[in-house]
Amino acid sequence: MSDRSDIVRMRIRVQGRVQGVNFRASAKREADRFGLSGFARNESDGSVSIEVEGREEDVSAFRRWAEAGPSRAEVAHIGSVPISPVGGHDFHVG
């Protein structure tokens, strides 16, 4: 991430059967694979919230992965919005 001009951050909300199916742990593996920072956490409404930051093409690839998620997940809806990068260095699960 030497050139900050191509760094973006995206907030993603995934709904469906996405809790109790290793979605967050799988999101961490994918984020690590793409070299992204951010987080994934369960929400009280049963959805998973994710923020990812990194090169635009890697963030886009991560979002495409999240459209299906891990094999046991059943994604009913996914929404995403771009947000301002914060300069994170790792991805964590909350």
PDB file of N, CA and C in Angstrom:
ATOM      1  N   MET A   1       0.823  -1.179   0.000  1.00  0.00           N
ATOM      2  CA  MET A   1       0.000   0.000   0.000  1.00  0.00           C
ATOM      3  C   MET A   1       0.872   1.250   0.000  1.00  0.00           C
ATOM      4  N   SER A   2       1.776   1.327  -0.933  1.00  0.00           N
ATOM      5  CA  SER A   2       2.675   2.469  -0.949  1.00  0.00           C
ATOM      6  C   SER A   2       2.018   3.720  -1.517  1.00  0.00           C
ATOM      7  N   ASP A   3       1.200   3.586  -2.545  1.00  0.00           N
ATOM      8  CA  ASP A   3       0.521   4.733  -3.134  1.00  0.00           C
ATOM      9  C   ASP A   3      -0.895   4.800  -2.582  1.00  0.00           C
ATOM     10  N   ARG A   4      -1.144   5.757  -1.695  1.00  0.00           N
ATOM     11  CA  ARG A   4      -2.441   5.862  -1.017  1.00  0.00           C
ATOM     12  C   ARG A   4      -3.565   6.300  -1.948  1.00  0.00           C
ATOM     13  N   SER A   5      -3.260   6.753  -3.174  1.00  0.00           N
ATOM     14  CA  SER A   5      -4.302   7.262  -4.060  1.00  0.00           C
ATOM     15  C   SER A   5      -5.249   6.168  -4.549  1.00  0.00           C
ATOM     16  N   ASP A   6      -4.808   4.926  -4.545  1.00  0.00           N
ATOM     17  CA  ASP A   6      -5.690   3.847  -4.997  1.00  0.00           C
ATOM     18  C   ASP A   6      -6.313   3.081  -3.830  1.00  0.00           C
ATOM     19  N   ILE A   7      -6.234   3.629  -2.612  1.00  0.00           N
ATOM     20  CA  ILE A   7      -6.780   2.971  -1.429  1.00  0.00           C
ATOM     21  C   ILE A   7      -8.220   3.433  -1.212  1.00  0.00           C
ATOM     22  N   VAL A   8      -9.107   2.473  -1.048  1.00  0.00           N
ATOM     23  CA  VAL A   8     -10.518   2.756  -0.793  1.00  0.00           C
ATOM     24  C   VAL A   8     -10.973   1.969   0.425  1.00  0.00           C
ATOM     25  N   ARG A   9     -12.105   2.362   0.975  1.00  0.00           N
ATOM     26  CA  ARG A   9     -12.712   1.633   2.089  1.00  0.00           C
ATOM     27  C   ARG A   9     -14.187   1.453   1.766  1.00  0.00           C
ATOM     28  N   MET A  10     -14.724   0.278   2.093  1.00  0.00           N
ATOM     29  CA  MET A  10     -16.111  -0.023   1.810  1.00  0.00           C
ATOM     30  C   MET A  10     -16.778  -0.596   3.055  1.00  0.00           C
ATOM     31  N   ARG A  11     -17.981  -0.132   3.319  1.00  0.00           N
ATOM     32  CA  ARG A  11     -18.818  -0.695   4.381  1.00  0.00           C
ATOM     33  C   ARG A  11     -19.812  -1.642   3.707  1.00  0.00           C
ATOM     34  N   ILE A  12     -19.862  -2.869   4.202  1.00  0.00           N
ATOM     35  CA  ILE A  12     -20.704  -3.916   3.614  1.00  0.00           C
ATOM     36  C   ILE A  12     -21.629  -4.459   4.689  1.00  0.00           C
ATOM     37  N   ARG A  13     -22.885  -4.652   4.347  1.00  0.00           N
ATOM     38  CA  ARG A  13     -23.847  -5.291   5.259  1.00  0.00           C
ATOM     39  C   ARG A  13     -24.380  -6.521   4.529  1.00  0.00           C
ATOM     40  N   VAL A  14     -24.233  -7.675   5.164  1.00  0.00           N
ATOM     41  CA  VAL A  14     -24.655  -8.947   4.563  1.00  0.00           C
ATOM     42  C   VAL A  14     -25.799  -9.502   5.395  1.00  0.00           C
ATOM     43  N   GLN A  15     -26.901  -9.827   4.730  1.00  0.00           N
ATOM     44  CA  GLN A  15     -28.085 -10.363   5.407  1.00  0.00           C
ATOM     45  C   GLN A  15     -28.419 -11.738   4.858  1.00  0.00           C
ATOM     46  N   GLY A  16     -29.095 -12.514   5.670  1.00  0.00           N
ATOM     47  CA  GLY A  16     -29.465 -13.884   5.319  1.00  0.00           C
ATOM     48  C   GLY A  16     -29.030 -14.799   6.448  1.00  0.00           C
ATOM     49  N   ARG A  17     -28.715 -16.031   6.101  1.00  0.00           N
ATOM     50  CA  ARG A  17     -28.156 -16.950   7.106  1.00  0.00           C
ATOM     51  C   ARG A  17     -26.642 -16.747   7.095  1.00  0.00           C
ATOM     52  N   VAL A  18     -26.202 -15.752   7.877  1.00  0.00           N
ATOM     53  CA  VAL A  18     -24.793 -15.367   7.842  1.00  0.00           C
ATOM     54  C   VAL A  18     -24.135 -15.398   9.216  1.00  0.00           C
ATOM     55  N   GLN A  19     -24.898 -15.698  10.258  1.00  0.00           N
ATOM     56  CA  GLN A  19     -24.317 -15.885  11.588  1.00  0.00           C
ATOM     57  C   GLN A  19     -24.349 -17.365  11.923  1.00  0.00           C
ATOM     58  N   GLY A  20     -23.304 -17.824  12.593  1.00  0.00           N
ATOM     59  CA  GLY A  20     -23.217 -19.236  12.955  1.00  0.00           C
ATOM     60  C   GLY A  20     -22.752 -20.126  11.819  1.00  0.00           C
ATOM     61  N   VAL A  21     -22.220 -19.524  10.761  1.00  0.00           N
ATOM     62  CA  VAL A  21     -21.761 -20.288   9.599  1.00  0.00           C
ATOM     63  C   VAL A  21     -20.299 -19.948   9.242  1.00  0.00           C
ATOM     64  N   ASN A  22     -19.571 -19.394  10.206  1.00  0.00           N
ATOM     65  CA  ASN A  22     -18.163 -19.014  10.026  1.00  0.00           C
ATOM     66  C   ASN A  22     -17.956 -17.880   9.028  1.00  0.00           C
ATOM     67  N   PHE A  23     -18.972 -17.024   8.872  1.00  0.00           N
ATOM     68  CA  PHE A  23     -18.849 -15.922   7.922  1.00  0.00           C
ATOM     69  C   PHE A  23     -17.721 -14.972   8.323  1.00  0.00           C
ATOM     70  N   ARG A  24     -17.671 -14.577   9.598  1.00  0.00           N
ATOM     71  CA  ARG A  24     -16.642 -13.623  10.029  1.00  0.00           C
ATOM     72  C   ARG A  24     -15.243 -14.206   9.914  1.00  0.00           C
ATOM     73  N   ALA A  25     -15.059 -15.438  10.334  1.00  0.00           N
ATOM     74  CA  ALA A  25     -13.738 -16.071  10.235  1.00  0.00           C
ATOM     75  C   ALA A  25     -13.323 -16.223   8.770  1.00  0.00           C
ATOM     76  N   SER A  26     -14.271 -16.576   7.934  1.00  0.00           N
ATOM     77  CA  SER A  26     -13.982 -16.686   6.501  1.00  0.00           C
ATOM     78  C   SER A  26     -13.675 -15.322   5.907  1.00  0.00           C
ATOM     79  N   ALA A  27     -14.373 -14.285   6.365  1.00  0.00           N
ATOM     80  CA  ALA A  27     -14.107 -12.928   5.893  1.00  0.00           C
ATOM     81  C   ALA A  27     -12.684 -12.522   6.249  1.00  0.00           C
ATOM     82  N   LYS A  28     -12.237 -12.890   7.443  1.00  0.00           N
ATOM     83  CA  LYS A  28     -10.857 -12.580   7.837  1.00  0.00           C
ATOM     84  C   LYS A  28      -9.860 -13.282   6.928  1.00  0.00           C
ATOM     85  N   ARG A  29     -10.088 -14.548   6.646  1.00  0.00           N
ATOM     86  CA  ARG A  29      -9.186 -15.278   5.752  1.00  0.00           C
ATOM     87  C   ARG A  29      -9.125 -14.607   4.379  1.00  0.00           C
ATOM     88  N   GLU A  30     -10.302 -14.222   3.851  1.00  0.00           N
ATOM     89  CA  GLU A  30     -10.340 -13.566   2.545  1.00  0.00           C
ATOM     90  C   GLU A  30      -9.662 -12.203   2.594  1.00  0.00           C
ATOM     91  N   ALA A  31      -9.930 -11.434   3.631  1.00  0.00           N
ATOM     92  CA  ALA A  31      -9.298 -10.117   3.766  1.00  0.00           C
ATOM     93  C   ALA A  31      -7.782 -10.269   3.853  1.00  0.00           C
ATOM     94  N   ASP A  32      -7.314 -11.241   4.617  1.00  0.00           N
ATOM     95  CA  ASP A  32      -5.875 -11.480   4.719  1.00  0.00           C
ATOM     96  C   ASP A  32      -5.301 -11.879   3.362  1.00  0.00           C
ATOM     97  N   ARG A  33      -6.037 -12.697   2.628  1.00  0.00           N
ATOM     98  CA  ARG A  33      -5.586 -13.140   1.303  1.00  0.00           C
ATOM     99  C   ARG A  33      -5.433 -11.954   0.356  1.00  0.00           C
ATOM    100  N   PHE A  34      -6.349 -10.994   0.449  1.00  0.00           N
ATOM    101  CA  PHE A  34      -6.297  -9.814  -0.419  1.00  0.00           C
ATOM    102  C   PHE A  34      -5.464  -8.675   0.174  1.00  0.00           C
ATOM    103  N   GLY A  35      -4.943  -8.847   1.381  1.00  0.00           N
ATOM    104  CA  GLY A  35      -4.143  -7.810   2.002  1.00  0.00           C
ATOM    105  C   GLY A  35      -4.953  -6.608   2.464  1.00  0.00           C
ATOM    106  N   LEU A  36      -6.190  -6.855   2.918  1.00  0.00           N
ATOM    107  CA  LEU A  36      -7.093  -5.786   3.329  1.00  0.00           C
ATOM    108  C   LEU A  36      -7.092  -5.599   4.840  1.00  0.00           C
ATOM    109  N   SER A  37      -7.403  -4.394   5.264  1.00  0.00           N
ATOM    110  CA  SER A  37      -7.608  -4.122   6.685  1.00  0.00           C
ATOM    111  C   SER A  37      -9.090  -3.880   6.912  1.00  0.00           C
ATOM    112  N   GLY A  38      -9.482  -3.844   8.186  1.00  0.00           N
ATOM    113  CA  GLY A  38     -10.885  -3.593   8.524  1.00  0.00           C
ATOM    114  C   GLY A  38     -11.372  -4.523   9.598  1.00  0.00           C
ATOM    115  N   PHE A  39     -12.669  -4.849   9.529  1.00  0.00           N
ATOM    116  CA  PHE A  39     -13.261  -5.706  10.553  1.00  0.00           C
ATOM    117  C   PHE A  39     -14.542  -6.346  10.038  1.00  0.00           C
ATOM    118  N   ALA A  40     -14.976  -7.384  10.759  1.00  0.00           N
ATOM    119  CA  ALA A  40     -16.283  -8.018  10.548  1.00  0.00           C
ATOM    120  C   ALA A  40     -16.889  -8.251  11.918  1.00  0.00           C
ATOM    121  N   ARG A  41     -18.184  -7.950  12.048  1.00  0.00           N
ATOM    122  CA  ARG A  41     -18.858  -8.181  13.334  1.00  0.00           C
ATOM    123  C   ARG A  41     -20.307  -8.572  13.092  1.00  0.00           C
ATOM    124  N   ASN A  42     -20.832  -9.368  14.003  1.00  0.00           N
ATOM    125  CA  ASN A  42     -22.245  -9.730  13.982  1.00  0.00           C
ATOM    126  C   ASN A  42     -23.067  -8.561  14.497  1.00  0.00           C
ATOM    127  N   GLU A  43     -24.250  -8.393  13.917  1.00  0.00           N
ATOM    128  CA  GLU A  43     -25.191  -7.372  14.367  1.00  0.00           C
ATOM    129  C   GLU A  43     -26.376  -8.050  15.040  1.00  0.00           C
ATOM    130  N   SER A  44     -27.078  -7.315  15.893  1.00  0.00           N
ATOM    131  CA  SER A  44     -28.189  -7.889  16.656  1.00  0.00           C
ATOM    132  C   SER A  44     -29.364  -8.313  15.768  1.00  0.00           C
ATOM    133  N   ASP A  45     -29.445  -7.788  14.545  1.00  0.00           N
ATOM    134  CA  ASP A  45     -30.535  -8.161  13.640  1.00  0.00           C
ATOM    135  C   ASP A  45     -30.229  -9.421  12.826  1.00  0.00           C
ATOM    136  N   GLY A  46     -29.088 -10.064  13.098  1.00  0.00           N
ATOM    137  CA  GLY A  46     -28.721 -11.294  12.407  1.00  0.00           C
ATOM    138  C   GLY A  46     -27.826 -11.086  11.201  1.00  0.00           C
ATOM    139  N   SER A  47     -27.533  -9.853  10.866  1.00  0.00           N
ATOM    140  CA  SER A  47     -26.662  -9.567   9.727  1.00  0.00           C
ATOM    141  C   SER A  47     -25.197  -9.517  10.181  1.00  0.00           C
ATOM    142  N   VAL A  48     -24.319  -9.392   9.209  1.00  0.00           N
ATOM    143  CA  VAL A  48     -22.899  -9.205   9.472  1.00  0.00           C
ATOM    144  C   VAL A  48     -22.486  -7.887   8.828  1.00  0.00           C
ATOM    145  N   SER A  49     -21.818  -7.035   9.607  1.00  0.00           N
ATOM    146  CA  SER A  49     -21.255  -5.782   9.107  1.00  0.00           C
ATOM    147  C   SER A  49     -19.765  -5.968   8.886  1.00  0.00           C
ATOM    148  N   ILE A  50     -19.305  -5.455   7.762  1.00  0.00           N
ATOM    149  CA  ILE A  50     -17.898  -5.583   7.396  1.00  0.00           C
ATOM    150  C   ILE A  50     -17.424  -4.235   6.875  1.00  0.00           C
ATOM    151  N   GLU A  51     -16.217  -3.858   7.243  1.00  0.00           N
ATOM    152  CA  GLU A  51     -15.534  -2.754   6.596  1.00  0.00           C
ATOM    153  C   GLU A  51     -14.204  -3.287   6.107  1.00  0.00           C
ATOM    154  N   VAL A  52     -13.889  -2.992   4.854  1.00  0.00           N
ATOM    155  CA  VAL A  52     -12.618  -3.424   4.275  1.00  0.00           C
ATOM    156  C   VAL A  52     -11.944  -2.238   3.603  1.00  0.00           C
ATOM    157  N   GLU A  53     -10.629  -2.218   3.719  1.00  0.00           N
ATOM    158  CA  GLU A  53      -9.838  -1.133   3.139  1.00  0.00           C
ATOM    159  C   GLU A  53      -8.615  -1.707   2.455  1.00  0.00           C
ATOM    160  N   GLY A  54      -8.329  -1.189   1.287  1.00  0.00           N
ATOM    161  CA  GLY A  54      -7.158  -1.622   0.530  1.00  0.00           C
ATOM    162  C   GLY A  54      -7.245  -1.117  -0.889  1.00  0.00           C
ATOM    163  N   ARG A  55      -6.491  -1.745  -1.760  1.00  0.00           N
ATOM    164  CA  ARG A  55      -6.526  -1.354  -3.174  1.00  0.00           C
ATOM    165  C   ARG A  55      -7.920  -1.610  -3.733  1.00  0.00           C
ATOM    166  N   GLU A  56      -8.361  -0.725  -4.601  1.00  0.00           N
ATOM    167  CA  GLU A  56      -9.733  -0.791  -5.118  1.00  0.00           C
ATOM    168  C   GLU A  56     -10.084  -2.147  -5.707  1.00  0.00           C
ATOM    169  N   GLU A  57      -9.182  -2.730  -6.484  1.00  0.00           N
ATOM    170  CA  GLU A  57      -9.490  -4.021  -7.111  1.00  0.00           C
ATOM    171  C   GLU A  57      -9.601  -5.136  -6.069  1.00  0.00           C
ATOM    172  N   ASP A  58      -8.830  -5.052  -4.988  1.00  0.00           N
ATOM    173  CA  ASP A  58      -8.904  -6.060  -3.939  1.00  0.00           C
ATOM    174  C   ASP A  58     -10.181  -5.921  -3.120  1.00  0.00           C
ATOM    175  N   VAL A  59     -10.579  -4.684  -2.828  1.00  0.00           N
ATOM    176  CA  VAL A  59     -11.841  -4.452  -2.116  1.00  0.00           C
ATOM    177  C   VAL A  59     -13.016  -4.948  -2.960  1.00  0.00           C
ATOM    178  N   SER A  60     -12.976  -4.700  -4.266  1.00  0.00           N
ATOM    179  CA  SER A  60     -14.034  -5.179  -5.156  1.00  0.00           C
ATOM    180  C   SER A  60     -14.083  -6.700  -5.198  1.00  0.00           C
ATOM    181  N   ALA A  61     -12.919  -7.329  -5.227  1.00  0.00           N
ATOM    182  CA  ALA A  61     -12.867  -8.800  -5.234  1.00  0.00           C
ATOM    183  C   ALA A  61     -13.419  -9.354  -3.916  1.00  0.00           C
ATOM    184  N   PHE A  62     -13.100  -8.709  -2.800  1.00  0.00           N
ATOM    185  CA  PHE A  62     -13.635  -9.139  -1.507  1.00  0.00           C
ATOM    186  C   PHE A  62     -15.151  -9.023  -1.506  1.00  0.00           C
ATOM    187  N   ARG A  63     -15.697  -7.932  -2.030  1.00  0.00           N
ATOM    188  CA  ARG A  63     -17.144  -7.762  -2.054  1.00  0.00           C
ATOM    189  C   ARG A  63     -17.801  -8.864  -2.885  1.00  0.00           C
ATOM    190  N   ARG A  64     -17.186  -9.220  -4.010  1.00  0.00           N
ATOM    191  CA  ARG A  64     -17.732 -10.310  -4.834  1.00  0.00           C
ATOM    192  C   ARG A  64     -17.743 -11.611  -4.033  1.00  0.00           C
ATOM    193  N   TRP A  65     -16.676 -11.866  -3.254  1.00  0.00           N
ATOM    194  CA  TRP A  65     -16.655 -13.060  -2.410  1.00  0.00           C
ATOM    195  C   TRP A  65     -17.817 -13.006  -1.405  1.00  0.00           C
ATOM    196  N   ALA A  66     -18.048 -11.843  -0.795  1.00  0.00           N
ATOM    197  CA  ALA A  66     -19.078 -11.699   0.241  1.00  0.00           C
ATOM    198  C   ALA A  66     -20.486 -11.913  -0.300  1.00  0.00           C
ATOM    199  N   GLU A  67     -20.680 -11.787  -1.610  1.00  0.00           N
ATOM    200  CA  GLU A  67     -21.999 -12.013  -2.205  1.00  0.00           C
ATOM    201  C   GLU A  67     -22.478 -13.438  -1.967  1.00  0.00           C
ATOM    202  N   ALA A  68     -21.550 -14.370  -1.805  1.00  0.00           N
ATOM    203  CA  ALA A  68     -21.906 -15.765  -1.510  1.00  0.00           C
ATOM    204  C   ALA A  68     -21.414 -16.168  -0.129  1.00  0.00           C
ATOM    205  N   GLY A  69     -20.235 -15.662   0.277  1.00  0.00           N
ATOM    206  CA  GLY A  69     -19.678 -16.004   1.573  1.00  0.00           C
ATOM    207  C   GLY A  69     -19.196 -17.442   1.624  1.00  0.00           C
ATOM    208  N   PRO A  70     -19.004 -17.967   2.833  1.00  0.00           N
ATOM    209  CA  PRO A  70     -18.554 -19.353   2.981  1.00  0.00           C
ATOM    210  C   PRO A  70     -19.653 -20.328   2.566  1.00  0.00           C
ATOM    211  N   SER A  71     -19.297 -21.581   2.416  1.00  0.00           N
ATOM    212  CA  SER A  71     -20.221 -22.571   1.847  1.00  0.00           C
ATOM    213  C   SER A  71     -21.516 -22.742   2.641  1.00  0.00           C
ATOM    214  N   ARG A  72     -21.493 -22.584   3.960  1.00  0.00           N
ATOM    215  CA  ARG A  72     -22.708 -22.792   4.763  1.00  0.00           C
ATOM    216  C   ARG A  72     -23.611 -21.558   4.827  1.00  0.00           C
ATOM    217  N   ALA A  73     -23.125 -20.433   4.329  1.00  0.00           N
ATOM    218  CA  ALA A  73     -23.909 -19.198   4.367  1.00  0.00           C
ATOM    219  C   ALA A  73     -24.983 -19.203   3.276  1.00  0.00           C
ATOM    220  N   GLU A  74     -26.044 -18.470   3.544  1.00  0.00           N
ATOM    221  CA  GLU A  74     -27.094 -18.239   2.544  1.00  0.00           C
ATOM    222  C   GLU A  74     -27.344 -16.731   2.513  1.00  0.00           C
ATOM    223  N   VAL A  75     -26.641 -16.048   1.618  1.00  0.00           N
ATOM    224  CA  VAL A  75     -26.747 -14.599   1.530  1.00  0.00           C
ATOM    225  C   VAL A  75     -28.038 -14.236   0.805  1.00  0.00           C
ATOM    226  N   ALA A  76     -28.901 -13.497   1.494  1.00  0.00           N
ATOM    227  CA  ALA A  76     -30.163 -13.047   0.912  1.00  0.00           C
ATOM    228  C   ALA A  76     -30.027 -11.654   0.311  1.00  0.00           C
ATOM    229  N   HIS A  77     -29.192 -10.827   0.909  1.00  0.00           N
ATOM    230  CA  HIS A  77     -29.015  -9.459   0.439  1.00  0.00           C
ATOM    231  C   HIS A  77     -27.660  -8.940   0.884  1.00  0.00           C
ATOM    232  N   ILE A  78     -27.038  -8.171   0.023  1.00  0.00           N
ATOM    233  CA  ILE A  78     -25.781  -7.514   0.370  1.00  0.00           C
ATOM    234  C   ILE A  78     -25.865  -6.075  -0.107  1.00  0.00           C
ATOM    235  N   GLY A  79     -25.455  -5.182   0.765  1.00  0.00           N
ATOM    236  CA  GLY A  79     -25.401  -3.770   0.417  1.00  0.00           C
ATOM    237  C   GLY A  79     -24.032  -3.234   0.753  1.00  0.00           C
ATOM    238  N   SER A  80     -23.588  -2.247   0.007  1.00  0.00           N
ATOM    239  CA  SER A  80     -22.283  -1.672   0.286  1.00  0.00           C
ATOM    240  C   SER A  80     -22.265  -0.201  -0.095  1.00  0.00           C
ATOM    241  N   VAL A  81     -21.450   0.539   0.631  1.00  0.00           N
ATOM    242  CA  VAL A  81     -21.238   1.964   0.350  1.00  0.00           C
ATOM    243  C   VAL A  81     -19.768   2.279   0.546  1.00  0.00           C
ATOM    244  N   PRO A  82     -19.228   3.152  -0.301  1.00  0.00           N
ATOM    245  CA  PRO A  82     -17.856   3.593  -0.082  1.00  0.00           C
ATOM    246  C   PRO A  82     -17.802   4.566   1.093  1.00  0.00           C
ATOM    247  N   ILE A  83     -16.741   4.471   1.879  1.00  0.00           N
ATOM    248  CA  ILE A  83     -16.521   5.400   2.983  1.00  0.00           C
ATOM    249  C   ILE A  83     -15.063   5.832   2.936  1.00  0.00           C
ATOM    250  N   SER A  84     -14.710   6.809   3.739  1.00  0.00           N
ATOM    251  CA  SER A  84     -13.338   7.338   3.731  1.00  0.00           C
ATOM    252  C   SER A  84     -12.362   6.343   4.349  1.00  0.00           C
ATOM    253  N   PRO A  85     -11.217   6.131   3.702  1.00  0.00           N
ATOM    254  CA  PRO A  85     -10.181   5.278   4.278  1.00  0.00           C
ATOM    255  C   PRO A  85      -9.694   5.835   5.616  1.00  0.00           C
ATOM    256  N   VAL A  86      -9.306   4.932   6.504  1.00  0.00           N
ATOM    257  CA  VAL A  86      -8.811   5.343   7.820  1.00  0.00           C
ATOM    258  C   VAL A  86      -7.360   4.928   8.053  1.00  0.00           C
ATOM    259  N   GLY A  87      -6.783   4.185   7.113  1.00  0.00           N
ATOM    260  CA  GLY A  87      -5.381   3.809   7.252  1.00  0.00           C
ATOM    261  C   GLY A  87      -5.135   2.619   8.150  1.00  0.00           C
ATOM    262  N   GLY A  88      -6.037   1.656   8.165  1.00  0.00           N
ATOM    263  CA  GLY A  88      -5.857   0.467   8.998  1.00  0.00           C
ATOM    264  C   GLY A  88      -4.722  -0.410   8.510  1.00  0.00           C
ATOM    265  N   HIS A  89      -4.293  -1.327   9.406  1.00  0.00           N
ATOM    266  CA  HIS A  89      -3.170  -2.207   9.059  1.00  0.00           C
ATOM    267  C   HIS A  89      -3.514  -3.687   9.149  1.00  0.00           C
ATOM    268  N   ASP A  90      -4.627  -4.035   9.780  1.00  0.00           N
ATOM    269  CA  ASP A  90      -4.982  -5.453   9.873  1.00  0.00           C
ATOM    270  C   ASP A  90      -6.498  -5.598   9.833  1.00  0.00           C
ATOM    271  N   PHE A  91      -6.936  -6.834   9.764  1.00  0.00           N
ATOM    272  CA  PHE A  91      -8.362  -7.134   9.746  1.00  0.00           C
ATOM    273  C   PHE A  91      -8.685  -7.911  10.996  1.00  0.00           C
ATOM    274  N   HIS A  92      -9.705  -7.503  11.710  1.00  0.00           N
ATOM    275  CA  HIS A  92     -10.067  -8.221  12.934  1.00  0.00           C
ATOM    276  C   HIS A  92     -11.547  -8.575  12.953  1.00  0.00           C
ATOM    277  N   VAL A  93     -11.844  -9.566  13.746  1.00  0.00           N
ATOM    278  CA  VAL A  93     -13.212 -10.052  13.909  1.00  0.00           C
ATOM    279  C   VAL A  93     -13.705  -9.599  15.268  1.00  0.00           C
ATOM    280  N   GLY A  94     -14.866  -8.971  15.270  1.00  0.00           N
ATOM    281  CA  GLY A  94     -15.437  -8.477  16.517  1.00  0.00           C
ATOM    282  C   GLY A  94     -16.672  -9.227  16.915  1.00  0.00           C
TER     283      GLY A  94
END
